[in-house]
Amino acid sequence: MDVETYCSFLLGWIMARFGTMIFANHCIARLIPTITVEKIAALLSAHLKGLLVSHELAKLSLLNELYYDTKEGRGN
């Protein structure tokens, strides 16, 4: 997948997540003629990796809160 297509999709996905649907629809519409199974697989893979990273960051944040709550005596 070329960089321009990937960045276009990624920007569209980010904007969709933050509510700017018109921009997202424009970016995704540009991809429709060029979508292949490999591109879909790569995009899904990138999306899943992003979800895993955000999940890991959320776990670290929660662990950090639990650590400081316990350290300050608020955990019990």
C-alpha atoms as a PDB file:
ATOM      1  CA  MET A   1       0.000   0.000   0.000  1.00  0.00           C
ATOM      2  CA  ASP A   2       1.365   3.407  -0.897  1.00  0.00           C
ATOM      3  CA  VAL A   3       1.908   6.010   1.797  1.00  0.00           C
ATOM      4  CA  GLU A   4      -0.613   8.498   0.391  1.00  0.00           C
ATOM      5  CA  THR A   5      -3.439   5.943   0.476  1.00  0.00           C
ATOM      6  CA  TYR A   6      -2.561   4.810   3.986  1.00  0.00           C
ATOM      7  CA  CYS A   7      -2.311   8.381   5.306  1.00  0.00           C
ATOM      8  CA  SER A   8      -5.566   9.317   3.602  1.00  0.00           C
ATOM      9  CA  PHE A   9      -7.361   6.397   5.229  1.00  0.00           C
ATOM     10  CA  LEU A  10      -5.724   7.020   8.595  1.00  0.00           C
ATOM     11  CA  LEU A  11      -6.713  10.692   8.561  1.00  0.00           C
ATOM     12  CA  GLY A  12     -10.232   9.698   7.563  1.00  0.00           C
ATOM     13  CA  TRP A  13     -10.430   7.199  10.411  1.00  0.00           C
ATOM     14  CA  ILE A  14      -9.107   9.733  12.940  1.00  0.00           C
ATOM     15  CA  MET A  15     -11.532  12.405  11.773  1.00  0.00           C
ATOM     16  CA  ALA A  16     -14.409   9.897  11.902  1.00  0.00           C
ATOM     17  CA  ARG A  17     -13.497   9.066  15.485  1.00  0.00           C
ATOM     18  CA  PHE A  18     -13.649  12.744  16.364  1.00  0.00           C
ATOM     19  CA  GLY A  19     -16.903  13.446  14.550  1.00  0.00           C
ATOM     20  CA  THR A  20     -15.847  15.111  11.298  1.00  0.00           C
ATOM     21  CA  MET A  21     -17.778  12.771   9.031  1.00  0.00           C
ATOM     22  CA  ILE A  22     -17.687  14.876   5.851  1.00  0.00           C
ATOM     23  CA  PHE A  23     -13.888  14.823   5.760  1.00  0.00           C
ATOM     24  CA  ALA A  24     -13.820  11.122   6.622  1.00  0.00           C
ATOM     25  CA  ASN A  25     -16.284  10.274   3.851  1.00  0.00           C
ATOM     26  CA  HIS A  26     -14.162  12.220   1.353  1.00  0.00           C
ATOM     27  CA  CYS A  27     -10.993  10.342   2.335  1.00  0.00           C
ATOM     28  CA  ILE A  28     -12.641   6.927   2.280  1.00  0.00           C
ATOM     29  CA  ALA A  29     -14.412   7.671  -1.032  1.00  0.00           C
ATOM     30  CA  ARG A  30     -10.998   8.331  -2.613  1.00  0.00           C
ATOM     31  CA  LEU A  31      -9.960   4.792  -1.669  1.00  0.00           C
ATOM     32  CA  ILE A  32     -12.929   2.868  -3.076  1.00  0.00           C
ATOM     33  CA  PRO A  33     -11.559   2.473  -6.636  1.00  0.00           C
ATOM     34  CA  THR A  34      -8.172   1.269  -5.356  1.00  0.00           C
ATOM     35  CA  ILE A  35      -9.173  -1.057  -2.504  1.00  0.00           C
ATOM     36  CA  THR A  36      -7.721  -4.565  -2.667  1.00  0.00           C
ATOM     37  CA  VAL A  37      -7.818  -7.440  -0.212  1.00  0.00           C
ATOM     38  CA  GLU A  38      -4.210  -6.682   0.756  1.00  0.00           C
ATOM     39  CA  LYS A  39      -5.050  -3.040   1.502  1.00  0.00           C
ATOM     40  CA  ILE A  40      -8.053  -4.029   3.606  1.00  0.00           C
ATOM     41  CA  ALA A  41      -5.916  -6.530   5.534  1.00  0.00           C
ATOM     42  CA  ALA A  42      -3.176  -3.941   6.101  1.00  0.00           C
ATOM     43  CA  LEU A  43      -5.675  -1.320   7.254  1.00  0.00           C
ATOM     44  CA  LEU A  44      -7.386  -3.754   9.625  1.00  0.00           C
ATOM     45  CA  SER A  45      -4.004  -4.788  10.977  1.00  0.00           C
ATOM     46  CA  ALA A  46      -3.026  -1.161  11.605  1.00  0.00           C
ATOM     47  CA  HIS A  47      -6.392  -0.489  13.229  1.00  0.00           C
ATOM     48  CA  LEU A  48      -6.059  -3.515  15.524  1.00  0.00           C
ATOM     49  CA  LYS A  49      -2.512  -2.512  16.468  1.00  0.00           C
ATOM     50  CA  GLY A  50      -3.823   0.950  17.328  1.00  0.00           C
ATOM     51  CA  LEU A  51      -6.545  -0.581  19.485  1.00  0.00           C
ATOM     52  CA  LEU A  52      -3.994  -2.759  21.268  1.00  0.00           C
ATOM     53  CA  VAL A  53      -1.741   0.229  21.946  1.00  0.00           C
ATOM     54  CA  SER A  54      -4.629   2.294  23.341  1.00  0.00           C
ATOM     55  CA  HIS A  55      -5.731  -0.692  25.458  1.00  0.00           C
ATOM     56  CA  GLU A  56      -2.206  -1.093  26.849  1.00  0.00           C
ATOM     57  CA  LEU A  57      -2.008   2.638  27.600  1.00  0.00           C
ATOM     58  CA  ALA A  58      -5.349   2.455  29.404  1.00  0.00           C
ATOM     59  CA  LYS A  59      -4.091  -0.484  31.473  1.00  0.00           C
ATOM     60  CA  LEU A  60      -0.915   1.410  32.358  1.00  0.00           C
ATOM     61  CA  SER A  61      -2.953   4.436  33.381  1.00  0.00           C
ATOM     62  CA  LEU A  62      -5.204   2.281  35.565  1.00  0.00           C
ATOM     63  CA  LEU A  63      -2.220   0.528  37.139  1.00  0.00           C
ATOM     64  CA  ASN A  64      -0.627   3.908  37.802  1.00  0.00           C
ATOM     65  CA  GLU A  65      -3.796   5.128  39.540  1.00  0.00           C
ATOM     66  CA  LEU A  66      -4.055   1.935  41.603  1.00  0.00           C
ATOM     67  CA  TYR A  67      -0.396   2.217  42.615  1.00  0.00           C
ATOM     68  CA  TYR A  68      -0.736   5.799  43.812  1.00  0.00           C
ATOM     69  CA  ASP A  69      -4.080   5.102  45.531  1.00  0.00           C
ATOM     70  CA  THR A  70      -2.478   2.203  47.417  1.00  0.00           C
ATOM     71  CA  LYS A  71       0.656   4.209  48.179  1.00  0.00           C
ATOM     72  CA  GLU A  72      -1.434   7.037  49.634  1.00  0.00           C
ATOM     73  CA  GLY A  73      -3.679   4.661  51.589  1.00  0.00           C
ATOM     74  CA  ARG A  74      -6.804   5.226  49.488  1.00  0.00           C
ATOM     75  CA  GLY A  75      -6.836   1.702  48.070  1.00  0.00           C
ATOM     76  CA  ASN A  76      -8.512   0.004  51.043  1.00  0.00           C
END
